[in-house]
Amino acid sequence: MAELDYGALKKGGFMRQIQKDRFSLRLRVIGGHLTGDKLAKISEIANRYGHGYIHLTSRQGVEIPFVALGDIERIKEELAAVGLQPGACGPRVRTVTACQGAAICPSGLIETAALAHELDARYFGQELPHKFKIGITGCKNNCLKAEENDLGIKGGLFPEWQSTACSYCGLCAAVCPVAAITVDQAVLSFDASTCVYCGKCVKSCPSNAWHGESGYLLSFGGMFGNTIKPGLHLLPLLFEKEQVFKAADAVLAFFAAHAQSGERLGKTLSRVGPEILQKQLTEALS
């Protein structure tokens, strides 16, 4: 009997369990979004081939534990019939995670679901020196914890104030988390250098005196495993989606060129210096 290639099985989303010849199947769930028919099929497979339950991972994934080796091909066929695929494990780009974003959440500053699918279509499964995680969060509330990812994407908004529409009620100053705005009777001051692009002033203004343009705040090299390292902010607020793709291309090329085998991006940046990546990002966006 040929020896099993456990590495290939893991790459295809089937991870060995402590129980002999049993695997936990990880599914490819982009941006945490699943339709009802797909959920029904997952339930059916868990009941038929597993132990009747599923595990929801910390990265919005779905895993079906206790899958037998002999059932793997049948399961893949049944998943494919409803448009489901196993997820990626090992040293490659993982499935993109995302919050619900501006399409649903009142706090959202960017649309997240379509961006997650576009990024997943471009990069999912790309072979790299180590795993590479991408996470998208729609605003500065950071529900998806963007800085935990190798590439984190966060919605931001650069605010602009129109004096003629202002009632000087002071609500914008009250909600600003960094005291970038002060209001004293009919005088408003805004320190743009301390602004964190949260957009709270715009969303709270009752007279629409505040407005602005939404964009993308990127972070690089985050990891929260054995080593905890928040991602670095190496770029200003980006306003075009195409700029996000160019930055993603650049950081993946940097990682492939500079990382040692088994080394996460954050450790590569610590070893060679973030200045090299920052230079490549700036060139890619110029």
C-alpha atoms as a PDB file:
ATOM      1  CA  MET A   1       0.000   0.000   0.000  1.00  0.00           C
ATOM      2  CA  ALA A   2       1.369   3.401  -1.005  1.00  0.00           C
ATOM      3  CA  GLU A   3       2.353   5.683   1.842  1.00  0.00           C
ATOM      4  CA  LEU A   4      -0.133   8.464   2.469  1.00  0.00           C
ATOM      5  CA  ASP A   5       0.945  11.963   1.542  1.00  0.00           C
ATOM      6  CA  TYR A   6      -0.302  13.779   4.637  1.00  0.00           C
ATOM      7  CA  GLY A   7       1.250  17.016   3.392  1.00  0.00           C
ATOM      8  CA  ALA A   8      -0.897  16.916   0.269  1.00  0.00           C
ATOM      9  CA  LEU A   9      -3.990  16.136   2.330  1.00  0.00           C
ATOM     10  CA  LYS A  10      -3.292  19.081   4.639  1.00  0.00           C
ATOM     11  CA  LYS A  11      -2.706  21.346   1.657  1.00  0.00           C
ATOM     12  CA  GLY A  12      -6.136  20.318   0.414  1.00  0.00           C
ATOM     13  CA  GLY A  13      -7.844  21.166   3.704  1.00  0.00           C
ATOM     14  CA  PHE A  14      -7.830  17.726   5.384  1.00  0.00           C
ATOM     15  CA  MET A  15      -5.941  17.943   8.689  1.00  0.00           C
ATOM     16  CA  ARG A  16      -4.900  14.883  10.679  1.00  0.00           C
ATOM     17  CA  GLN A  17      -6.579  14.346  14.015  1.00  0.00           C
ATOM     18  CA  ILE A  18      -5.139  12.632  17.061  1.00  0.00           C
ATOM     19  CA  GLN A  19      -7.487   9.735  16.245  1.00  0.00           C
ATOM     20  CA  LYS A  20      -5.963   7.281  13.745  1.00  0.00           C
ATOM     21  CA  ASP A  21      -7.096   7.747  10.120  1.00  0.00           C
ATOM     22  CA  ARG A  22      -9.475  10.554  11.015  1.00  0.00           C
ATOM     23  CA  PHE A  23      -9.308  14.040   9.534  1.00  0.00           C
ATOM     24  CA  SER A  24     -10.858  17.418  10.212  1.00  0.00           C
ATOM     25  CA  LEU A  25     -12.025  18.961   6.939  1.00  0.00           C
ATOM     26  CA  ARG A  26     -11.592  22.734   6.701  1.00  0.00           C
ATOM     27  CA  LEU A  27     -13.880  24.476   4.210  1.00  0.00           C
ATOM     28  CA  ARG A  28     -13.158  27.538   2.124  1.00  0.00           C
ATOM     29  CA  VAL A  29     -15.487  30.222   3.528  1.00  0.00           C
ATOM     30  CA  ILE A  30     -14.696  33.615   1.986  1.00  0.00           C
ATOM     31  CA  GLY A  31     -15.419  36.574   4.226  1.00  0.00           C
ATOM     32  CA  GLY A  32     -17.491  34.452   6.619  1.00  0.00           C
ATOM     33  CA  HIS A  33     -20.371  34.294   4.105  1.00  0.00           C
ATOM     34  CA  LEU A  34     -22.343  31.074   3.470  1.00  0.00           C
ATOM     35  CA  THR A  35     -25.719  30.605   1.807  1.00  0.00           C
ATOM     36  CA  GLY A  36     -28.441  28.490   3.389  1.00  0.00           C
ATOM     37  CA  ASP A  37     -28.128  25.646   0.873  1.00  0.00           C
ATOM     38  CA  LYS A  38     -24.404  25.378   1.551  1.00  0.00           C
ATOM     39  CA  LEU A  39     -24.996  25.305   5.292  1.00  0.00           C
ATOM     40  CA  ALA A  40     -27.549  22.544   4.774  1.00  0.00           C
ATOM     41  CA  LYS A  41     -25.036  20.496   2.772  1.00  0.00           C
ATOM     42  CA  ILE A  42     -22.360  21.004   5.445  1.00  0.00           C
ATOM     43  CA  SER A  43     -24.812  19.744   8.065  1.00  0.00           C
ATOM     44  CA  GLU A  44     -25.686  16.748   5.913  1.00  0.00           C
ATOM     45  CA  ILE A  45     -22.018  15.834   5.423  1.00  0.00           C
ATOM     46  CA  ALA A  46     -21.270  16.226   9.125  1.00  0.00           C
ATOM     47  CA  ASN A  47     -24.131  13.873   9.968  1.00  0.00           C
ATOM     48  CA  ARG A  48     -23.273  11.316   7.297  1.00  0.00           C
ATOM     49  CA  TYR A  49     -19.477  11.274   7.394  1.00  0.00           C
ATOM     50  CA  GLY A  50     -18.527  12.881  10.722  1.00  0.00           C
ATOM     51  CA  HIS A  51     -19.883  12.863  14.263  1.00  0.00           C
ATOM     52  CA  GLY A  52     -22.855  15.101  13.552  1.00  0.00           C
ATOM     53  CA  TYR A  53     -21.339  18.460  14.480  1.00  0.00           C
ATOM     54  CA  ILE A  54     -19.131  21.164  12.981  1.00  0.00           C
ATOM     55  CA  HIS A  55     -16.487  23.456  14.435  1.00  0.00           C
ATOM     56  CA  LEU A  56     -16.470  27.195  13.709  1.00  0.00           C
ATOM     57  CA  THR A  57     -12.880  28.422  13.680  1.00  0.00           C
ATOM     58  CA  SER A  58     -11.562  31.763  14.917  1.00  0.00           C
ATOM     59  CA  ARG A  59     -11.052  32.821  11.271  1.00  0.00           C
ATOM     60  CA  GLN A  60     -14.663  32.322  10.144  1.00  0.00           C
ATOM     61  CA  GLY A  61     -13.906  28.860   8.839  1.00  0.00           C
ATOM     62  CA  VAL A  62     -16.033  25.745   9.106  1.00  0.00           C
ATOM     63  CA  GLU A  63     -14.453  22.416   9.974  1.00  0.00           C
ATOM     64  CA  ILE A  64     -16.056  18.967   9.894  1.00  0.00           C
ATOM     65  CA  PRO A  65     -14.201  16.683  12.314  1.00  0.00           C
ATOM     66  CA  PHE A  66     -13.937  12.875  12.264  1.00  0.00           C
ATOM     67  CA  VAL A  67     -13.882  12.403   8.499  1.00  0.00           C
ATOM     68  CA  ALA A  68     -12.594   8.961   7.496  1.00  0.00           C
ATOM     69  CA  LEU A  69      -9.797   8.662   4.962  1.00  0.00           C
ATOM     70  CA  GLY A  70     -11.916   6.484   2.665  1.00  0.00           C
ATOM     71  CA  ASP A  71     -14.678   9.091   2.464  1.00  0.00           C
ATOM     72  CA  ILE A  72     -12.546  12.046   1.394  1.00  0.00           C
ATOM     73  CA  GLU A  73     -13.136  11.820  -2.362  1.00  0.00           C
ATOM     74  CA  ARG A  74     -16.899  11.336  -1.958  1.00  0.00           C
ATOM     75  CA  ILE A  75     -17.071  14.335   0.355  1.00  0.00           C
ATOM     76  CA  LYS A  76     -15.171  16.523  -2.110  1.00  0.00           C
ATOM     77  CA  GLU A  77     -17.620  15.544  -4.860  1.00  0.00           C
ATOM     78  CA  GLU A  78     -20.640  16.366  -2.703  1.00  0.00           C
ATOM     79  CA  LEU A  79     -19.150  19.709  -1.679  1.00  0.00           C
ATOM     80  CA  ALA A  80     -18.393  20.631  -5.286  1.00  0.00           C
ATOM     81  CA  ALA A  81     -22.031  19.964  -6.254  1.00  0.00           C
ATOM     82  CA  VAL A  82     -23.116  22.993  -4.180  1.00  0.00           C
ATOM     83  CA  GLY A  83     -20.073  25.157  -4.927  1.00  0.00           C
ATOM     84  CA  LEU A  84     -18.097  24.382  -1.766  1.00  0.00           C
ATOM     85  CA  GLN A  85     -14.379  23.658  -1.654  1.00  0.00           C
ATOM     86  CA  PRO A  86     -11.901  22.576   1.003  1.00  0.00           C
ATOM     87  CA  GLY A  87      -9.808  25.404   2.406  1.00  0.00           C
ATOM     88  CA  ALA A  88      -6.051  25.839   2.278  1.00  0.00           C
ATOM     89  CA  CYS A  89      -3.660  24.900   5.054  1.00  0.00           C
ATOM     90  CA  GLY A  90       0.112  25.005   5.266  1.00  0.00           C
ATOM     91  CA  PRO A  91       2.556  27.515   3.692  1.00  0.00           C
ATOM     92  CA  ARG A  92       0.276  29.419   1.347  1.00  0.00           C
ATOM     93  CA  VAL A  93      -2.277  32.241   1.208  1.00  0.00           C
ATOM     94  CA  ARG A  94      -5.252  31.321   3.373  1.00  0.00           C
ATOM     95  CA  THR A  95      -8.937  32.121   2.896  1.00  0.00           C
ATOM     96  CA  VAL A  96      -9.698  35.831   3.317  1.00  0.00           C
ATOM     97  CA  THR A  97     -11.736  36.831   6.360  1.00  0.00           C
ATOM     98  CA  ALA A  98     -14.010  39.892   6.548  1.00  0.00           C
ATOM     99  CA  CYS A  99     -16.664  41.584   8.639  1.00  0.00           C
ATOM    100  CA  GLN A 100     -19.978  42.627   7.054  1.00  0.00           C
ATOM    101  CA  GLY A 101     -18.734  46.115   6.241  1.00  0.00           C
ATOM    102  CA  ALA A 102     -20.591  49.150   4.965  1.00  0.00           C
ATOM    103  CA  ALA A 103     -23.248  47.119   3.147  1.00  0.00           C
ATOM    104  CA  ILE A 104     -24.810  46.113   6.487  1.00  0.00           C
ATOM    105  CA  CYS A 105     -23.012  47.665   9.460  1.00  0.00           C
ATOM    106  CA  PRO A 106     -23.818  51.318  10.340  1.00  0.00           C
ATOM    107  CA  SER A 107     -20.191  51.819  11.388  1.00  0.00           C
ATOM    108  CA  GLY A 108     -18.783  50.439   8.138  1.00  0.00           C
ATOM    109  CA  LEU A 109     -16.637  52.728   5.998  1.00  0.00           C
ATOM    110  CA  ILE A 110     -15.760  50.330   3.167  1.00  0.00           C
ATOM    111  CA  GLU A 111     -17.493  47.472   1.375  1.00  0.00           C
ATOM    112  CA  THR A 112     -15.818  44.264   2.548  1.00  0.00           C
ATOM    113  CA  ALA A 113     -17.528  41.230   0.998  1.00  0.00           C
ATOM    114  CA  ALA A 114     -16.696  41.975  -2.642  1.00  0.00           C
ATOM    115  CA  LEU A 115     -13.133  42.944  -1.697  1.00  0.00           C
ATOM    116  CA  ALA A 116     -12.715  39.647   0.165  1.00  0.00           C
ATOM    117  CA  HIS A 117     -13.847  37.678  -2.895  1.00  0.00           C
ATOM    118  CA  GLU A 118     -11.583  39.673  -5.211  1.00  0.00           C
ATOM    119  CA  LEU A 119      -8.546  39.171  -2.985  1.00  0.00           C
ATOM    120  CA  ASP A 120      -9.365  35.482  -2.554  1.00  0.00           C
ATOM    121  CA  ALA A 121      -9.703  35.006  -6.310  1.00  0.00           C
ATOM    122  CA  ARG A 122      -6.316  36.666  -6.897  1.00  0.00           C
ATOM    123  CA  TYR A 123      -4.257  35.056  -4.137  1.00  0.00           C
ATOM    124  CA  PHE A 124      -5.904  32.030  -2.494  1.00  0.00           C
ATOM    125  CA  GLY A 125      -3.573  29.049  -2.254  1.00  0.00           C
ATOM    126  CA  GLN A 126      -0.486  30.873  -3.565  1.00  0.00           C
ATOM    127  CA  GLU A 127       2.603  28.983  -2.409  1.00  0.00           C
ATOM    128  CA  LEU A 128       4.829  30.916   0.000  1.00  0.00           C
ATOM    129  CA  PRO A 129       7.567  30.282   2.604  1.00  0.00           C
ATOM    130  CA  HIS A 130       4.902  30.172   5.337  1.00  0.00           C
ATOM    131  CA  LYS A 131       1.184  30.784   5.789  1.00  0.00           C
ATOM    132  CA  PHE A 132      -0.158  34.202   4.840  1.00  0.00           C
ATOM    133  CA  LYS A 133      -3.397  35.543   6.291  1.00  0.00           C
ATOM    134  CA  ILE A 134      -5.500  38.404   4.954  1.00  0.00           C
ATOM    135  CA  GLY A 135      -8.238  40.019   7.030  1.00  0.00           C
ATOM    136  CA  ILE A 136     -10.603  42.894   6.220  1.00  0.00           C
ATOM    137  CA  THR A 137     -12.463  45.008   8.752  1.00  0.00           C
ATOM    138  CA  GLY A 138     -14.870  47.731   7.719  1.00  0.00           C
ATOM    139  CA  CYS A 139     -13.960  50.449  10.202  1.00  0.00           C
ATOM    140  CA  LYS A 140     -11.741  51.485  13.080  1.00  0.00           C
ATOM    141  CA  ASN A 141     -13.843  49.435  15.515  1.00  0.00           C
ATOM    142  CA  ASN A 142     -11.647  46.669  14.105  1.00  0.00           C
ATOM    143  CA  CYS A 143     -13.965  43.724  14.779  1.00  0.00           C
ATOM    144  CA  LEU A 144     -11.793  41.522  12.533  1.00  0.00           C
ATOM    145  CA  LYS A 145      -8.593  42.675  14.279  1.00  0.00           C
ATOM    146  CA  ALA A 146      -6.800  43.616  11.069  1.00  0.00           C
ATOM    147  CA  GLU A 147      -3.380  43.949  12.713  1.00  0.00           C
ATOM    148  CA  GLU A 148      -3.409  40.215  13.571  1.00  0.00           C
ATOM    149  CA  ASN A 149      -3.029  39.383   9.890  1.00  0.00           C
ATOM    150  CA  ASP A 150      -0.020  39.274   7.594  1.00  0.00           C
ATOM    151  CA  LEU A 151      -1.992  41.752   5.490  1.00  0.00           C
ATOM    152  CA  GLY A 152      -4.686  43.636   7.355  1.00  0.00           C
ATOM    153  CA  ILE A 153      -7.146  45.953   5.615  1.00  0.00           C
ATOM    154  CA  LYS A 154      -9.224  48.414   7.606  1.00  0.00           C
ATOM    155  CA  GLY A 155     -11.768  50.978   6.502  1.00  0.00           C
ATOM    156  CA  GLY A 156     -10.849  54.593   7.194  1.00  0.00           C
ATOM    157  CA  LEU A 157     -12.246  58.013   6.338  1.00  0.00           C
ATOM    158  CA  PHE A 158     -10.414  61.300   6.010  1.00  0.00           C
ATOM    159  CA  PRO A 159     -12.833  63.998   7.251  1.00  0.00           C
ATOM    160  CA  GLU A 160     -13.354  67.501   5.895  1.00  0.00           C
ATOM    161  CA  TRP A 161     -15.332  70.237   7.608  1.00  0.00           C
ATOM    162  CA  GLN A 162     -17.638  72.815   6.008  1.00  0.00           C
ATOM    163  CA  SER A 163     -18.011  75.832   8.274  1.00  0.00           C
ATOM    164  CA  THR A 164     -21.136  77.222   6.626  1.00  0.00           C
ATOM    165  CA  ALA A 165     -23.136  74.109   7.501  1.00  0.00           C
ATOM    166  CA  CYS A 166     -21.878  73.790  11.084  1.00  0.00           C
ATOM    167  CA  SER A 167     -24.134  74.468  14.076  1.00  0.00           C
ATOM    168  CA  TYR A 168     -21.189  74.196  16.496  1.00  0.00           C
ATOM    169  CA  CYS A 169     -23.114  71.743  18.637  1.00  0.00           C
ATOM    170  CA  GLY A 170     -19.868  70.043  19.717  1.00  0.00           C
ATOM    171  CA  LEU A 171     -21.034  66.499  19.038  1.00  0.00           C
ATOM    172  CA  CYS A 172     -18.103  65.815  16.705  1.00  0.00           C
ATOM    173  CA  ALA A 173     -15.650  66.812  19.432  1.00  0.00           C
ATOM    174  CA  ALA A 174     -17.472  64.636  21.940  1.00  0.00           C
ATOM    175  CA  VAL A 175     -17.218  61.484  19.813  1.00  0.00           C
ATOM    176  CA  CYS A 176     -13.668  62.004  18.515  1.00  0.00           C
ATOM    177  CA  PRO A 177     -11.548  59.284  20.229  1.00  0.00           C
ATOM    178  CA  VAL A 178      -8.272  61.231  19.973  1.00  0.00           C
ATOM    179  CA  ALA A 179      -9.448  64.785  20.726  1.00  0.00           C
ATOM    180  CA  ALA A 180      -8.516  65.973  17.246  1.00  0.00           C
ATOM    181  CA  ILE A 181     -11.542  68.297  17.249  1.00  0.00           C
ATOM    182  CA  THR A 182     -12.322  71.078  19.669  1.00  0.00           C
ATOM    183  CA  VAL A 183     -15.367  73.350  19.616  1.00  0.00           C
ATOM    184  CA  ASP A 184     -15.564  76.571  21.593  1.00  0.00           C
ATOM    185  CA  GLN A 185     -18.796  78.448  20.897  1.00  0.00           C
ATOM    186  CA  ALA A 186     -18.535  79.396  17.187  1.00  0.00           C
ATOM    187  CA  VAL A 187     -14.937  78.283  16.735  1.00  0.00           C
ATOM    188  CA  LEU A 188     -14.024  74.753  15.595  1.00  0.00           C
ATOM    189  CA  SER A 189     -10.437  73.485  15.402  1.00  0.00           C
ATOM    190  CA  PHE A 190      -9.388  70.259  13.682  1.00  0.00           C
ATOM    191  CA  ASP A 191      -5.884  68.794  14.063  1.00  0.00           C
ATOM    192  CA  ALA A 192      -5.579  66.549  11.007  1.00  0.00           C
ATOM    193  CA  SER A 193      -2.179  65.253  12.153  1.00  0.00           C
ATOM    194  CA  THR A 194      -3.779  63.376  15.069  1.00  0.00           C
ATOM    195  CA  CYS A 195      -6.826  62.100  13.142  1.00  0.00           C
ATOM    196  CA  VAL A 196      -7.148  58.287  13.102  1.00  0.00           C
ATOM    197  CA  TYR A 197      -9.661  58.248  10.204  1.00  0.00           C
ATOM    198  CA  CYS A 198     -12.443  56.658  12.257  1.00  0.00           C
ATOM    199  CA  GLY A 199     -15.164  58.741  10.590  1.00  0.00           C
ATOM    200  CA  LYS A 200     -17.108  59.207  13.825  1.00  0.00           C
ATOM    201  CA  CYS A 201     -17.305  62.966  13.298  1.00  0.00           C
ATOM    202  CA  VAL A 202     -18.887  62.478   9.871  1.00  0.00           C
ATOM    203  CA  LYS A 203     -21.364  59.846  10.993  1.00  0.00           C
ATOM    204  CA  SER A 204     -22.448  61.777  14.099  1.00  0.00           C
ATOM    205  CA  CYS A 205     -22.821  65.265  12.619  1.00  0.00           C
ATOM    206  CA  PRO A 206     -26.516  66.327  12.681  1.00  0.00           C
ATOM    207  CA  SER A 207     -26.007  69.162  10.169  1.00  0.00           C
ATOM    208  CA  ASN A 208     -23.800  67.341   7.632  1.00  0.00           C
ATOM    209  CA  ALA A 209     -21.013  69.840   8.181  1.00  0.00           C
ATOM    210  CA  TRP A 210     -18.523  66.956   8.169  1.00  0.00           C
ATOM    211  CA  HIS A 211     -17.991  64.809   5.096  1.00  0.00           C
ATOM    212  CA  GLY A 212     -15.077  62.915   3.642  1.00  0.00           C
ATOM    213  CA  GLU A 213     -13.771  60.137   1.437  1.00  0.00           C
ATOM    214  CA  SER A 214     -13.492  56.551   2.608  1.00  0.00           C
ATOM    215  CA  GLY A 215     -10.338  54.552   2.008  1.00  0.00           C
ATOM    216  CA  TYR A 216      -8.185  51.650   3.104  1.00  0.00           C
ATOM    217  CA  LEU A 217      -5.682  51.473   5.973  1.00  0.00           C
ATOM    218  CA  LEU A 218      -3.219  48.621   5.482  1.00  0.00           C
ATOM    219  CA  SER A 219      -1.043  46.844   8.027  1.00  0.00           C
ATOM    220  CA  PHE A 220       1.722  44.342   7.377  1.00  0.00           C
ATOM    221  CA  GLY A 221       3.297  41.473   9.276  1.00  0.00           C
ATOM    222  CA  GLY A 222       0.837  40.871  12.089  1.00  0.00           C
ATOM    223  CA  MET A 223       0.827  37.550  13.964  1.00  0.00           C
ATOM    224  CA  PHE A 224      -0.844  36.430  17.173  1.00  0.00           C
ATOM    225  CA  GLY A 225       0.404  32.873  17.653  1.00  0.00           C
ATOM    226  CA  ASN A 226       3.470  31.805  19.616  1.00  0.00           C
ATOM    227  CA  THR A 227       4.854  35.253  18.877  1.00  0.00           C
ATOM    228  CA  ILE A 228       2.562  38.262  19.213  1.00  0.00           C
ATOM    229  CA  LYS A 229       3.344  41.112  16.844  1.00  0.00           C
ATOM    230  CA  PRO A 230       0.829  43.696  15.597  1.00  0.00           C
ATOM    231  CA  GLY A 231       1.038  44.585  11.921  1.00  0.00           C
ATOM    232  CA  LEU A 232       2.939  47.690  10.875  1.00  0.00           C
ATOM    233  CA  HIS A 233       1.317  50.672   9.133  1.00  0.00           C
ATOM    234  CA  LEU A 234       3.711  51.514   6.314  1.00  0.00           C
ATOM    235  CA  LEU A 235       1.390  53.429   3.980  1.00  0.00           C
ATOM    236  CA  PRO A 236      -0.971  56.396   4.222  1.00  0.00           C
ATOM    237  CA  LEU A 237      -4.713  56.000   3.785  1.00  0.00           C
ATOM    238  CA  LEU A 238      -5.365  54.619   0.280  1.00  0.00           C
ATOM    239  CA  PHE A 239      -8.454  55.723  -1.614  1.00  0.00           C
ATOM    240  CA  GLU A 240      -8.539  53.334  -4.596  1.00  0.00           C
ATOM    241  CA  LYS A 241      -9.161  49.582  -4.486  1.00  0.00           C
ATOM    242  CA  GLU A 242      -6.584  49.055  -7.221  1.00  0.00           C
ATOM    243  CA  GLN A 243      -3.974  50.489  -4.845  1.00  0.00           C
ATOM    244  CA  VAL A 244      -4.840  47.741  -2.366  1.00  0.00           C
ATOM    245  CA  PHE A 245      -4.194  45.096  -5.024  1.00  0.00           C
ATOM    246  CA  LYS A 246      -0.868  46.709  -5.958  1.00  0.00           C
ATOM    247  CA  ALA A 247       0.161  46.744  -2.294  1.00  0.00           C
ATOM    248  CA  ALA A 248      -0.879  43.097  -1.919  1.00  0.00           C
ATOM    249  CA  ASP A 249       1.151  42.139  -4.997  1.00  0.00           C
ATOM    250  CA  ALA A 250       4.159  43.962  -3.560  1.00  0.00           C
ATOM    251  CA  VAL A 251       4.031  42.429  -0.096  1.00  0.00           C
ATOM    252  CA  LEU A 252       3.569  38.906  -1.442  1.00  0.00           C
ATOM    253  CA  ALA A 253       6.535  39.395  -3.791  1.00  0.00           C
ATOM    254  CA  PHE A 254       8.598  40.734  -0.870  1.00  0.00           C
ATOM    255  CA  PHE A 255       7.621  37.772   1.315  1.00  0.00           C
ATOM    256  CA  ALA A 256       8.455  35.227  -1.378  1.00  0.00           C
ATOM    257  CA  ALA A 257      11.841  36.864  -2.032  1.00  0.00           C
ATOM    258  CA  HIS A 258      13.021  37.562   1.522  1.00  0.00           C
ATOM    259  CA  ALA A 259      11.406  35.067   3.901  1.00  0.00           C
ATOM    260  CA  GLN A 260      13.142  31.944   5.071  1.00  0.00           C
ATOM    261  CA  SER A 261      11.234  28.672   4.962  1.00  0.00           C
ATOM    262  CA  GLY A 262       8.833  28.476   7.912  1.00  0.00           C
ATOM    263  CA  GLU A 263       9.161  32.194   8.700  1.00  0.00           C
ATOM    264  CA  ARG A 264       6.110  34.426   9.003  1.00  0.00           C
ATOM    265  CA  LEU A 265       6.114  37.857   7.374  1.00  0.00           C
ATOM    266  CA  GLY A 266       6.374  39.619  10.754  1.00  0.00           C
ATOM    267  CA  LYS A 267       9.599  37.783  11.550  1.00  0.00           C
ATOM    268  CA  THR A 268      10.961  38.524   8.084  1.00  0.00           C
ATOM    269  CA  LEU A 269      10.291  42.228   8.637  1.00  0.00           C
ATOM    270  CA  SER A 270      12.064  42.093  12.002  1.00  0.00           C
ATOM    271  CA  ARG A 271      15.054  40.347  10.449  1.00  0.00           C
ATOM    272  CA  VAL A 272      15.563  42.382   7.247  1.00  0.00           C
ATOM    273  CA  GLY A 273      13.882  45.612   8.317  1.00  0.00           C
ATOM    274  CA  PRO A 274      10.506  47.080   7.318  1.00  0.00           C
ATOM    275  CA  GLU A 275      12.220  49.839   5.314  1.00  0.00           C
ATOM    276  CA  ILE A 276      12.795  47.458   2.400  1.00  0.00           C
ATOM    277  CA  LEU A 277       9.109  46.551   2.204  1.00  0.00           C
ATOM    278  CA  GLN A 278       8.069  50.175   2.624  1.00  0.00           C
ATOM    279  CA  LYS A 279      10.280  51.147  -0.323  1.00  0.00           C
ATOM    280  CA  GLN A 280       8.794  48.406  -2.500  1.00  0.00           C
ATOM    281  CA  LEU A 281       5.250  49.392  -1.510  1.00  0.00           C
ATOM    282  CA  THR A 282       5.908  53.045  -2.310  1.00  0.00           C
ATOM    283  CA  GLU A 283       7.355  52.117  -5.691  1.00  0.00           C
ATOM    284  CA  ALA A 284       4.425  49.844  -6.475  1.00  0.00           C
ATOM    285  CA  LEU A 285       1.957  52.630  -5.760  1.00  0.00           C
ATOM    286  CA  SER A 286       3.810  55.406  -7.537  1.00  0.00           C
END
